[in-house]
Amino acid sequence: MLADCIATAYKSEPKAAQDAGSSASALMDWTYFDLEQAPQAGRPLVDQFLARDYHNPLVESERPGVRFELLKCLDLYHSKELDSQVRQLVINPQHTYRQDNPPRPQKD
């Protein structure tokens, strides 16, 4: 969820978004939640946290337009909302999705 949030936050900065998106894809092999539901379930949380309006007058006077996107993603990662969602989507905390759903052998 953290990498997905960062990829979304920095989608207008291609290299950062590409790196975060690729990282999110790679992390799917080690995830413990239901991949069928999780991507759709997480989107509203990502959008909700990125829509937050964070202000710091000291920083804004020196850097106009600062949005604190990474901070919003970190807040999402440590939020009660995400914790609640994880408790709903984690099927078996002792197994990753990939362990429970191995890739099918490709036919030649």
PDB file of N, CA and C in Angstrom:
ATOM      1  N   MET A   1       0.819  -1.190   0.000  1.00  0.00           N
ATOM      2  CA  MET A   1       0.000   0.000   0.000  1.00  0.00           C
ATOM      3  C   MET A   1       0.867   1.260   0.000  1.00  0.00           C
ATOM      4  N   LEU A   2       1.978   1.201   0.720  1.00  0.00           N
ATOM      5  CA  LEU A   2       2.863   2.366   0.774  1.00  0.00           C
ATOM      6  C   LEU A   2       3.429   2.675  -0.607  1.00  0.00           C
ATOM      7  N   ALA A   3       3.942   1.670  -1.299  1.00  0.00           N
ATOM      8  CA  ALA A   3       4.508   1.896  -2.634  1.00  0.00           C
ATOM      9  C   ALA A   3       3.433   2.357  -3.606  1.00  0.00           C
ATOM     10  N   ASP A   4       2.221   1.825  -3.497  1.00  0.00           N
ATOM     11  CA  ASP A   4       1.120   2.246  -4.365  1.00  0.00           C
ATOM     12  C   ASP A   4       0.774   3.706  -4.107  1.00  0.00           C
ATOM     13  N   CYS A   5       0.755   4.110  -2.844  1.00  0.00           N
ATOM     14  CA  CYS A   5       0.478   5.498  -2.501  1.00  0.00           C
ATOM     15  C   CYS A   5       1.547   6.417  -3.084  1.00  0.00           C
ATOM     16  N   ILE A   6       2.806   6.032  -2.947  1.00  0.00           N
ATOM     17  CA  ILE A   6       3.903   6.852  -3.468  1.00  0.00           C
ATOM     18  C   ILE A   6       3.836   6.939  -4.991  1.00  0.00           C
ATOM     19  N   ALA A   7       3.535   5.831  -5.655  1.00  0.00           N
ATOM     20  CA  ALA A   7       3.405   5.845  -7.119  1.00  0.00           C
ATOM     21  C   ALA A   7       2.280   6.779  -7.542  1.00  0.00           C
ATOM     22  N   THR A   8       1.185   6.760  -6.815  1.00  0.00           N
ATOM     23  CA  THR A   8       0.047   7.642  -7.128  1.00  0.00           C
ATOM     24  C   THR A   8       0.413   9.094  -6.859  1.00  0.00           C
ATOM     25  N   ALA A   9       1.053   9.344  -5.732  1.00  0.00           N
ATOM     26  CA  ALA A   9       1.414  10.713  -5.353  1.00  0.00           C
ATOM     27  C   ALA A   9       2.366  11.356  -6.353  1.00  0.00           C
ATOM     28  N   TYR A  10       3.255  10.559  -6.919  1.00  0.00           N
ATOM     29  CA  TYR A  10       4.277  11.098  -7.808  1.00  0.00           C
ATOM     30  C   TYR A  10       4.075  10.701  -9.272  1.00  0.00           C
ATOM     31  N   LYS A  11       2.821  10.458  -9.651  1.00  0.00           N
ATOM     32  CA  LYS A  11       2.548  10.034 -11.025  1.00  0.00           C
ATOM     33  C   LYS A  11       2.956  11.084 -12.051  1.00  0.00           C
ATOM     34  N   SER A  12       3.046  12.346 -11.652  1.00  0.00           N
ATOM     35  CA  SER A  12       3.482  13.380 -12.597  1.00  0.00           C
ATOM     36  C   SER A  12       5.005  13.466 -12.690  1.00  0.00           C
ATOM     37  N   GLU A  13       5.694  12.664 -11.897  1.00  0.00           N
ATOM     38  CA  GLU A  13       7.149  12.584 -11.955  1.00  0.00           C
ATOM     39  C   GLU A  13       7.506  11.161 -12.363  1.00  0.00           C
ATOM     40  N   PRO A  14       7.624  10.929 -13.661  1.00  0.00           N
ATOM     41  CA  PRO A  14       7.701   9.569 -14.210  1.00  0.00           C
ATOM     42  C   PRO A  14       8.710   8.624 -13.566  1.00  0.00           C
ATOM     43  N   LYS A  15       9.907   9.077 -13.290  1.00  0.00           N
ATOM     44  CA  LYS A  15      10.918   8.165 -12.741  1.00  0.00           C
ATOM     45  C   LYS A  15      10.551   7.719 -11.329  1.00  0.00           C
ATOM     46  N   ALA A  16      10.062   8.634 -10.512  1.00  0.00           N
ATOM     47  CA  ALA A  16       9.668   8.269  -9.146  1.00  0.00           C
ATOM     48  C   ALA A  16       8.450   7.353  -9.180  1.00  0.00           C
ATOM     49  N   ALA A  17       7.471   7.692  -9.998  1.00  0.00           N
ATOM     50  CA  ALA A  17       6.263   6.867 -10.099  1.00  0.00           C
ATOM     51  C   ALA A  17       6.587   5.486 -10.651  1.00  0.00           C
ATOM     52  N   GLN A  18       7.463   5.420 -11.642  1.00  0.00           N
ATOM     53  CA  GLN A  18       7.842   4.127 -12.228  1.00  0.00           C
ATOM     54  C   GLN A  18       8.554   3.256 -11.191  1.00  0.00           C
ATOM     55  N   ASP A  19       9.462   3.852 -10.436  1.00  0.00           N
ATOM     56  CA  ASP A  19      10.177   3.101  -9.420  1.00  0.00           C
ATOM     57  C   ASP A  19       9.221   2.600  -8.337  1.00  0.00           C
ATOM     58  N   ALA A  20       8.357   3.461  -7.853  1.00  0.00           N
ATOM     59  CA  ALA A  20       7.399   3.057  -6.809  1.00  0.00           C
ATOM     60  C   ALA A  20       6.425   2.010  -7.344  1.00  0.00           C
ATOM     61  N   GLY A  21       5.950   2.189  -8.572  1.00  0.00           N
ATOM     62  CA  GLY A  21       5.043   1.215  -9.169  1.00  0.00           C
ATOM     63  C   GLY A  21       5.699  -0.140  -9.366  1.00  0.00           C
ATOM     64  N   SER A  22       6.937  -0.129  -9.812  1.00  0.00           N
ATOM     65  CA  SER A  22       7.672  -1.388  -9.978  1.00  0.00           C
ATOM     66  C   SER A  22       7.911  -2.054  -8.635  1.00  0.00           C
ATOM     67  N   SER A  23       8.204  -1.251  -7.630  1.00  0.00           N
ATOM     68  CA  SER A  23       8.396  -1.790  -6.280  1.00  0.00           C
ATOM     69  C   SER A  23       7.107  -2.400  -5.759  1.00  0.00           C
ATOM     70  N   ALA A  24       5.988  -1.735  -6.005  1.00  0.00           N
ATOM     71  CA  ALA A  24       4.696  -2.266  -5.566  1.00  0.00           C
ATOM     72  C   ALA A  24       4.427  -3.607  -6.236  1.00  0.00           C
ATOM     73  N   SER A  25       4.722  -3.708  -7.518  1.00  0.00           N
ATOM     74  CA  SER A  25       4.513  -4.968  -8.236  1.00  0.00           C
ATOM     75  C   SER A  25       5.399  -6.076  -7.679  1.00  0.00           C
ATOM     76  N   ALA A  26       6.654  -5.749  -7.395  1.00  0.00           N
ATOM     77  CA  ALA A  26       7.573  -6.749  -6.854  1.00  0.00           C
ATOM     78  C   ALA A  26       7.131  -7.209  -5.471  1.00  0.00           C
ATOM     79  N   LEU A  27       6.598  -6.307  -4.688  1.00  0.00           N
ATOM     80  CA  LEU A  27       6.158  -6.656  -3.332  1.00  0.00           C
ATOM     81  C   LEU A  27       4.974  -7.609  -3.323  1.00  0.00           C
ATOM     82  N   MET A  28       4.257  -7.692  -4.425  1.00  0.00           N
ATOM     83  CA  MET A  28       3.093  -8.574  -4.485  1.00  0.00           C
ATOM     84  C   MET A  28       3.471 -10.027  -4.216  1.00  0.00           C
ATOM     85  N   ASP A  29       4.685 -10.423  -4.552  1.00  0.00           N
ATOM     86  CA  ASP A  29       5.118 -11.798  -4.295  1.00  0.00           C
ATOM     87  C   ASP A  29       5.205 -12.106  -2.808  1.00  0.00           C
ATOM     88  N   TRP A  30       5.397 -11.084  -1.997  1.00  0.00           N
ATOM     89  CA  TRP A  30       5.590 -11.308  -0.558  1.00  0.00           C
ATOM     90  C   TRP A  30       4.400 -10.855   0.271  1.00  0.00           C
ATOM     91  N   THR A  31       3.349 -10.436  -0.359  1.00  0.00           N
ATOM     92  CA  THR A  31       2.221  -9.896   0.383  1.00  0.00           C
ATOM     93  C   THR A  31       1.408 -10.987   1.071  1.00  0.00           C
ATOM     94  N   TYR A  32       0.743 -10.601   2.113  1.00  0.00           N
ATOM     95  CA  TYR A  32      -0.064 -11.540   2.895  1.00  0.00           C
ATOM     96  C   TYR A  32      -1.557 -11.329   2.688  1.00  0.00           C
ATOM     97  N   PHE A  33      -1.950 -10.419   1.832  1.00  0.00           N
ATOM     98  CA  PHE A  33      -3.373 -10.155   1.663  1.00  0.00           C
ATOM     99  C   PHE A  33      -3.905 -10.708   0.356  1.00  0.00           C
ATOM    100  N   ASP A  34      -5.197 -10.723   0.256  1.00  0.00           N
ATOM    101  CA  ASP A  34      -5.900 -11.252  -0.911  1.00  0.00           C
ATOM    102  C   ASP A  34      -5.705 -10.299  -2.082  1.00  0.00           C
ATOM    103  N   LEU A  35      -4.905 -10.700  -3.050  1.00  0.00           N
ATOM    104  CA  LEU A  35      -4.615  -9.836  -4.191  1.00  0.00           C
ATOM    105  C   LEU A  35      -5.821  -9.615  -5.095  1.00  0.00           C
ATOM    106  N   GLU A  36      -6.813 -10.449  -4.971  1.00  0.00           N
ATOM    107  CA  GLU A  36      -8.019 -10.262  -5.776  1.00  0.00           C
ATOM    108  C   GLU A  36      -8.804  -9.047  -5.286  1.00  0.00           C
ATOM    109  N   GLN A  37      -8.810  -8.803  -3.979  1.00  0.00           N
ATOM    110  CA  GLN A  37      -9.582  -7.712  -3.402  1.00  0.00           C
ATOM    111  C   GLN A  37      -8.737  -6.492  -3.051  1.00  0.00           C
ATOM    112  N   ALA A  38      -7.515  -6.710  -2.632  1.00  0.00           N
ATOM    113  CA  ALA A  38      -6.706  -5.649  -2.051  1.00  0.00           C
ATOM    114  C   ALA A  38      -6.476  -4.438  -2.958  1.00  0.00           C
ATOM    115  N   PRO A  39      -6.125  -4.601  -4.243  1.00  0.00           N
ATOM    116  CA  PRO A  39      -5.887  -3.388  -5.040  1.00  0.00           C
ATOM    117  C   PRO A  39      -7.105  -2.467  -5.106  1.00  0.00           C
ATOM    118  N   GLN A  40      -8.279  -3.020  -5.251  1.00  0.00           N
ATOM    119  CA  GLN A  40      -9.474  -2.194  -5.308  1.00  0.00           C
ATOM    120  C   GLN A  40      -9.814  -1.632  -3.925  1.00  0.00           C
ATOM    121  N   ALA A  41      -9.607  -2.415  -2.903  1.00  0.00           N
ATOM    122  CA  ALA A  41      -9.937  -1.985  -1.548  1.00  0.00           C
ATOM    123  C   ALA A  41      -9.032  -0.851  -1.079  1.00  0.00           C
ATOM    124  N   GLY A  42      -7.790  -0.856  -1.515  1.00  0.00           N
ATOM    125  CA  GLY A  42      -6.842   0.149  -1.057  1.00  0.00           C
ATOM    126  C   GLY A  42      -6.965   1.493  -1.736  1.00  0.00           C
ATOM    127  N   ARG A  43      -7.484   1.526  -2.946  1.00  0.00           N
ATOM    128  CA  ARG A  43      -7.555   2.783  -3.710  1.00  0.00           C
ATOM    129  C   ARG A  43      -8.268   3.911  -2.962  1.00  0.00           C
ATOM    130  N   PRO A  44      -9.449   3.668  -2.351  1.00  0.00           N
ATOM    131  CA  PRO A  44     -10.094   4.768  -1.623  1.00  0.00           C
ATOM    132  C   PRO A  44      -9.250   5.307  -0.471  1.00  0.00           C
ATOM    133  N   LEU A  45      -8.518   4.434   0.201  1.00  0.00           N
ATOM    134  CA  LEU A  45      -7.645   4.902   1.285  1.00  0.00           C
ATOM    135  C   LEU A  45      -6.511   5.764   0.741  1.00  0.00           C
ATOM    136  N   VAL A  46      -5.894   5.325  -0.340  1.00  0.00           N
ATOM    137  CA  VAL A  46      -4.822   6.121  -0.948  1.00  0.00           C
ATOM    138  C   VAL A  46      -5.369   7.490  -1.343  1.00  0.00           C
ATOM    139  N   ASP A  47      -6.498   7.511  -2.021  1.00  0.00           N
ATOM    140  CA  ASP A  47      -7.088   8.787  -2.456  1.00  0.00           C
ATOM    141  C   ASP A  47      -7.445   9.673  -1.262  1.00  0.00           C
ATOM    142  N   GLN A  48      -7.984   9.065  -0.219  1.00  0.00           N
ATOM    143  CA  GLN A  48      -8.381   9.813   0.985  1.00  0.00           C
ATOM    144  C   GLN A  48      -7.173  10.474   1.646  1.00  0.00           C
ATOM    145  N   PHE A  49      -6.085   9.727   1.799  1.00  0.00           N
ATOM    146  CA  PHE A  49      -4.919  10.289   2.466  1.00  0.00           C
ATOM    147  C   PHE A  49      -4.205  11.310   1.586  1.00  0.00           C
ATOM    148  N   LEU A  50      -4.126  11.073   0.281  1.00  0.00           N
ATOM    149  CA  LEU A  50      -3.466  12.043  -0.597  1.00  0.00           C
ATOM    150  C   LEU A  50      -4.269  13.328  -0.742  1.00  0.00           C
ATOM    151  N   ALA A  51      -5.562  13.280  -0.453  1.00  0.00           N
ATOM    152  CA  ALA A  51      -6.404  14.474  -0.534  1.00  0.00           C
ATOM    153  C   ALA A  51      -6.277  15.353   0.714  1.00  0.00           C
ATOM    154  N   ARG A  52      -5.635  14.855   1.729  1.00  0.00           N
ATOM    155  CA  ARG A  52      -5.476  15.648   2.953  1.00  0.00           C
ATOM    156  C   ARG A  52      -4.700  16.925   2.658  1.00  0.00           C
ATOM    157  N   ASP A  53      -5.026  17.957   3.418  1.00  0.00           N
ATOM    158  CA  ASP A  53      -4.407  19.264   3.218  1.00  0.00           C
ATOM    159  C   ASP A  53      -3.439  19.523   4.371  1.00  0.00           C
ATOM    160  N   TYR A  54      -2.179  19.260   4.158  1.00  0.00           N
ATOM    161  CA  TYR A  54      -1.156  19.465   5.179  1.00  0.00           C
ATOM    162  C   TYR A  54      -0.516  20.833   4.958  1.00  0.00           C
ATOM    163  N   HIS A  55      -0.360  21.578   6.043  1.00  0.00           N
ATOM    164  CA  HIS A  55       0.261  22.911   5.958  1.00  0.00           C
ATOM    165  C   HIS A  55       1.387  23.031   6.969  1.00  0.00           C
ATOM    166  N   ASN A  56       2.426  23.701   6.572  1.00  0.00           N
ATOM    167  CA  ASN A  56       3.513  24.078   7.456  1.00  0.00           C
ATOM    168  C   ASN A  56       3.982  25.450   6.983  1.00  0.00           C
ATOM    169  N   PRO A  57       3.497  26.506   7.641  1.00  0.00           N
ATOM    170  CA  PRO A  57       3.813  27.869   7.182  1.00  0.00           C
ATOM    171  C   PRO A  57       5.307  28.150   7.054  1.00  0.00           C
ATOM    172  N   LEU A  58       6.128  27.555   7.903  1.00  0.00           N
ATOM    173  CA  LEU A  58       7.569  27.806   7.816  1.00  0.00           C
ATOM    174  C   LEU A  58       8.151  27.238   6.534  1.00  0.00           C
ATOM    175  N   VAL A  59       7.762  26.025   6.192  1.00  0.00           N
ATOM    176  CA  VAL A  59       8.252  25.399   4.967  1.00  0.00           C
ATOM    177  C   VAL A  59       7.663  26.093   3.747  1.00  0.00           C
ATOM    178  N   GLU A  60       6.358  26.398   3.795  1.00  0.00           N
ATOM    179  CA  GLU A  60       5.686  26.998   2.634  1.00  0.00           C
ATOM    180  C   GLU A  60       6.227  28.375   2.292  1.00  0.00           C
ATOM    181  N   SER A  61       6.751  29.096   3.283  1.00  0.00           N
ATOM    182  CA  SER A  61       7.317  30.416   2.982  1.00  0.00           C
ATOM    183  C   SER A  61       8.624  30.270   2.199  1.00  0.00           C
ATOM    184  N   GLU A  62       9.319  29.157   2.406  1.00  0.00           N
ATOM    185  CA  GLU A  62      10.571  28.930   1.688  1.00  0.00           C
ATOM    186  C   GLU A  62      10.381  28.120   0.412  1.00  0.00           C
ATOM    187  N   ARG A  63       9.388  27.261   0.394  1.00  0.00           N
ATOM    188  CA  ARG A  63       9.133  26.374  -0.753  1.00  0.00           C
ATOM    189  C   ARG A  63       7.648  26.403  -1.095  1.00  0.00           C
ATOM    190  N   PRO A  64       7.210  27.408  -1.821  1.00  0.00           N
ATOM    191  CA  PRO A  64       5.782  27.487  -2.181  1.00  0.00           C
ATOM    192  C   PRO A  64       5.334  26.246  -2.960  1.00  0.00           C
ATOM    193  N   GLY A  65       4.148  25.777  -2.664  1.00  0.00           N
ATOM    194  CA  GLY A  65       3.587  24.651  -3.399  1.00  0.00           C
ATOM    195  C   GLY A  65       3.932  23.292  -2.840  1.00  0.00           C
ATOM    196  N   VAL A  66       4.673  23.235  -1.729  1.00  0.00           N
ATOM    197  CA  VAL A  66       5.019  21.939  -1.147  1.00  0.00           C
ATOM    198  C   VAL A  66       3.723  21.243  -0.719  1.00  0.00           C
ATOM    199  N   ARG A  67       3.642  19.930  -0.994  1.00  0.00           N
ATOM    200  CA  ARG A  67       2.380  19.205  -0.748  1.00  0.00           C
ATOM    201  C   ARG A  67       2.504  18.115   0.305  1.00  0.00           C
ATOM    202  N   PHE A  68       3.681  17.753   0.723  1.00  0.00           N
ATOM    203  CA  PHE A  68       3.896  16.734   1.753  1.00  0.00           C
ATOM    204  C   PHE A  68       3.301  15.383   1.362  1.00  0.00           C
ATOM    205  N   GLU A  69       3.427  15.002   0.101  1.00  0.00           N
ATOM    206  CA  GLU A  69       2.838  13.755  -0.382  1.00  0.00           C
ATOM    207  C   GLU A  69       3.435  12.530   0.307  1.00  0.00           C
ATOM    208  N   LEU A  70       4.742  12.493   0.470  1.00  0.00           N
ATOM    209  CA  LEU A  70       5.367  11.347   1.126  1.00  0.00           C
ATOM    210  C   LEU A  70       4.882  11.232   2.571  1.00  0.00           C
ATOM    211  N   LEU A  71       4.746  12.341   3.254  1.00  0.00           N
ATOM    212  CA  LEU A  71       4.247  12.324   4.632  1.00  0.00           C
ATOM    213  C   LEU A  71       2.827  11.760   4.689  1.00  0.00           C
ATOM    214  N   LYS A  72       2.005  12.120   3.719  1.00  0.00           N
ATOM    215  CA  LYS A  72       0.640  11.591   3.661  1.00  0.00           C
ATOM    216  C   LYS A  72       0.658  10.074   3.484  1.00  0.00           C
ATOM    217  N   CYS A  73       1.554   9.585   2.632  1.00  0.00           N
ATOM    218  CA  CYS A  73       1.665   8.137   2.413  1.00  0.00           C
ATOM    219  C   CYS A  73       2.155   7.432   3.672  1.00  0.00           C
ATOM    220  N   LEU A  74       3.092   8.044   4.372  1.00  0.00           N
ATOM    221  CA  LEU A  74       3.568   7.457   5.627  1.00  0.00           C
ATOM    222  C   LEU A  74       2.456   7.444   6.674  1.00  0.00           C
ATOM    223  N   ASP A  75       1.662   8.504   6.713  1.00  0.00           N
ATOM    224  CA  ASP A  75       0.520   8.534   7.631  1.00  0.00           C
ATOM    225  C   ASP A  75      -0.474   7.426   7.292  1.00  0.00           C
ATOM    226  N   LEU A  76      -0.704   7.198   6.011  1.00  0.00           N
ATOM    227  CA  LEU A  76      -1.577   6.102   5.581  1.00  0.00           C
ATOM    228  C   LEU A  76      -1.017   4.775   6.076  1.00  0.00           C
ATOM    229  N   TYR A  77       0.268   4.566   5.872  1.00  0.00           N
ATOM    230  CA  TYR A  77       0.912   3.306   6.248  1.00  0.00           C
ATOM    231  C   TYR A  77       0.755   3.009   7.746  1.00  0.00           C
ATOM    232  N   HIS A  78       0.753   4.053   8.565  1.00  0.00           N
ATOM    233  CA  HIS A  78       0.651   3.884  10.015  1.00  0.00           C
ATOM    234  C   HIS A  78      -0.764   4.133  10.544  1.00  0.00           C
ATOM    235  N   SER A  79      -1.747   4.201   9.667  1.00  0.00           N
ATOM    236  CA  SER A  79      -3.103   4.579  10.076  1.00  0.00           C
ATOM    237  C   SER A  79      -3.929   3.425  10.635  1.00  0.00           C
ATOM    238  N   LYS A  80      -4.908   3.795  11.444  1.00  0.00           N
ATOM    239  CA  LYS A  80      -5.882   2.823  11.950  1.00  0.00           C
ATOM    240  C   LYS A  80      -6.731   2.298  10.803  1.00  0.00           C
ATOM    241  N   GLU A  81      -6.995   3.148   9.816  1.00  0.00           N
ATOM    242  CA  GLU A  81      -7.809   2.731   8.673  1.00  0.00           C
ATOM    243  C   GLU A  81      -7.146   1.599   7.902  1.00  0.00           C
ATOM    244  N   LEU A  82      -5.854   1.725   7.655  1.00  0.00           N
ATOM    245  CA  LEU A  82      -5.142   0.663   6.940  1.00  0.00           C
ATOM    246  C   LEU A  82      -5.062  -0.591   7.813  1.00  0.00           C
ATOM    247  N   ASP A  83      -4.803  -0.421   9.087  1.00  0.00           N
ATOM    248  CA  ASP A  83      -4.753  -1.569   9.986  1.00  0.00           C
ATOM    249  C   ASP A  83      -6.069  -2.336   9.959  1.00  0.00           C
ATOM    250  N   SER A  84      -7.174  -1.620   9.968  1.00  0.00           N
ATOM    251  CA  SER A  84      -8.488  -2.260   9.906  1.00  0.00           C
ATOM    252  C   SER A  84      -8.670  -3.017   8.596  1.00  0.00           C
ATOM    253  N   GLN A  85      -8.252  -2.408   7.505  1.00  0.00           N
ATOM    254  CA  GLN A  85      -8.373  -3.057   6.199  1.00  0.00           C
ATOM    255  C   GLN A  85      -7.499  -4.309   6.116  1.00  0.00           C
ATOM    256  N   VAL A  86      -6.302  -4.226   6.657  1.00  0.00           N
ATOM    257  CA  VAL A  86      -5.400  -5.376   6.648  1.00  0.00           C
ATOM    258  C   VAL A  86      -6.032  -6.537   7.414  1.00  0.00           C
ATOM    259  N   ARG A  87      -6.654  -6.238   8.538  1.00  0.00           N
ATOM    260  CA  ARG A  87      -7.294  -7.290   9.328  1.00  0.00           C
ATOM    261  C   ARG A  87      -8.417  -7.980   8.543  1.00  0.00           C
ATOM    262  N   GLN A  88      -9.039  -7.249   7.626  1.00  0.00           N
ATOM    263  CA  GLN A  88     -10.102  -7.836   6.802  1.00  0.00           C
ATOM    264  C   GLN A  88      -9.536  -8.628   5.624  1.00  0.00           C
ATOM    265  N   LEU A  89      -8.408  -8.198   5.068  1.00  0.00           N
ATOM    266  CA  LEU A  89      -7.905  -8.771   3.832  1.00  0.00           C
ATOM    267  C   LEU A  89      -6.816  -9.824   4.000  1.00  0.00           C
ATOM    268  N   VAL A  90      -6.198  -9.874   5.162  1.00  0.00           N
ATOM    269  CA  VAL A  90      -5.168 -10.885   5.366  1.00  0.00           C
ATOM    270  C   VAL A  90      -5.858 -12.218   5.595  1.00  0.00           C
ATOM    271  N   ILE A  91      -5.654 -13.123   4.675  1.00  0.00           N
ATOM    272  CA  ILE A  91      -6.330 -14.413   4.717  1.00  0.00           C
ATOM    273  C   ILE A  91      -5.627 -15.343   5.692  1.00  0.00           C
ATOM    274  N   ASN A  92      -4.340 -15.483   5.535  1.00  0.00           N
ATOM    275  CA  ASN A  92      -3.562 -16.390   6.371  1.00  0.00           C
ATOM    276  C   ASN A  92      -2.233 -15.705   6.670  1.00  0.00           C
ATOM    277  N   PRO A  93      -2.087 -15.161   7.875  1.00  0.00           N
ATOM    278  CA  PRO A  93      -0.870 -14.415   8.194  1.00  0.00           C
ATOM    279  C   PRO A  93       0.411 -15.242   8.156  1.00  0.00           C
ATOM    280  N   GLN A  94       0.288 -16.553   8.082  1.00  0.00           N
ATOM    281  CA  GLN A  94       1.467 -17.411   8.050  1.00  0.00           C
ATOM    282  C   GLN A  94       1.939 -17.712   6.627  1.00  0.00           C
ATOM    283  N   HIS A  95       1.187 -17.257   5.614  1.00  0.00           N
ATOM    284  CA  HIS A  95       1.535 -17.543   4.219  1.00  0.00           C
ATOM    285  C   HIS A  95       1.389 -16.288   3.370  1.00  0.00           C
ATOM    286  N   THR A  96       2.269 -16.155   2.411  1.00  0.00           N
ATOM    287  CA  THR A  96       2.121 -15.077   1.449  1.00  0.00           C
ATOM    288  C   THR A  96       1.116 -15.507   0.381  1.00  0.00           C
ATOM    289  N   TYR A  97       0.637 -14.556  -0.362  1.00  0.00           N
ATOM    290  CA  TYR A  97      -0.288 -14.846  -1.454  1.00  0.00           C
ATOM    291  C   TYR A  97       0.356 -15.819  -2.436  1.00  0.00           C
ATOM    292  N   ARG A  98       1.616 -15.593  -2.755  1.00  0.00           N
ATOM    293  CA  ARG A  98       2.319 -16.434  -3.729  1.00  0.00           C
ATOM    294  C   ARG A  98       2.453 -17.877  -3.220  1.00  0.00           C
ATOM    295  N   GLN A  99       2.674 -18.062  -1.918  1.00  0.00           N
ATOM    296  CA  GLN A  99       2.744 -19.422  -1.366  1.00  0.00           C
ATOM    297  C   GLN A  99       1.400 -20.137  -1.506  1.00  0.00           C
ATOM    298  N   ASP A 100       0.333 -19.422  -1.256  1.00  0.00           N
ATOM    299  CA  ASP A 100      -0.999 -20.026  -1.321  1.00  0.00           C
ATOM    300  C   ASP A 100      -1.537 -20.118  -2.745  1.00  0.00           C
ATOM    301  N   ASN A 101      -0.963 -19.353  -3.668  1.00  0.00           N
ATOM    302  CA  ASN A 101      -1.422 -19.332  -5.059  1.00  0.00           C
ATOM    303  C   ASN A 101      -0.213 -19.363  -5.988  1.00  0.00           C
ATOM    304  N   PRO A 102       0.478 -20.497  -6.057  1.00  0.00           N
ATOM    305  CA  PRO A 102       1.676 -20.563  -6.905  1.00  0.00           C
ATOM    306  C   PRO A 102       1.326 -20.325  -8.371  1.00  0.00           C
ATOM    307  N   PRO A 103       2.268 -19.749  -9.123  1.00  0.00           N
ATOM    308  CA  PRO A 103       2.022 -19.534 -10.552  1.00  0.00           C
ATOM    309  C   PRO A 103       1.810 -20.882 -11.257  1.00  0.00           C
ATOM    310  N   ARG A 104       0.932 -20.859 -12.207  1.00  0.00           N
ATOM    311  CA  ARG A 104       0.688 -22.066 -13.002  1.00  0.00           C
ATOM    312  C   ARG A 104       1.825 -22.250 -13.984  1.00  0.00           C
ATOM    313  N   PRO A 105       2.243 -23.495 -14.196  1.00  0.00           N
ATOM    314  CA  PRO A 105       3.303 -23.729 -15.189  1.00  0.00           C
ATOM    315  C   PRO A 105       2.838 -23.284 -16.578  1.00  0.00           C
ATOM    316  N   GLN A 106       3.737 -22.655 -17.289  1.00  0.00           N
ATOM    317  CA  GLN A 106       3.399 -22.211 -18.644  1.00  0.00           C
ATOM    318  C   GLN A 106       3.499 -23.376 -19.601  1.00  0.00           C
ATOM    319  N   LYS A 107       2.540 -23.432 -20.513  1.00  0.00           N
ATOM    320  CA  LYS A 107       2.554 -24.468 -21.537  1.00  0.00           C
ATOM    321  C   LYS A 107       3.411 -24.016 -22.702  1.00  0.00           C
ATOM    322  N   ASP A 108       4.159 -24.935 -23.248  1.00  0.00           N
ATOM    323  CA  ASP A 108       5.030 -24.602 -24.391  1.00  0.00           C
ATOM    324  C   ASP A 108       4.266 -24.536 -25.673  1.00  0.00           C
TER     325      ASP A 108
END
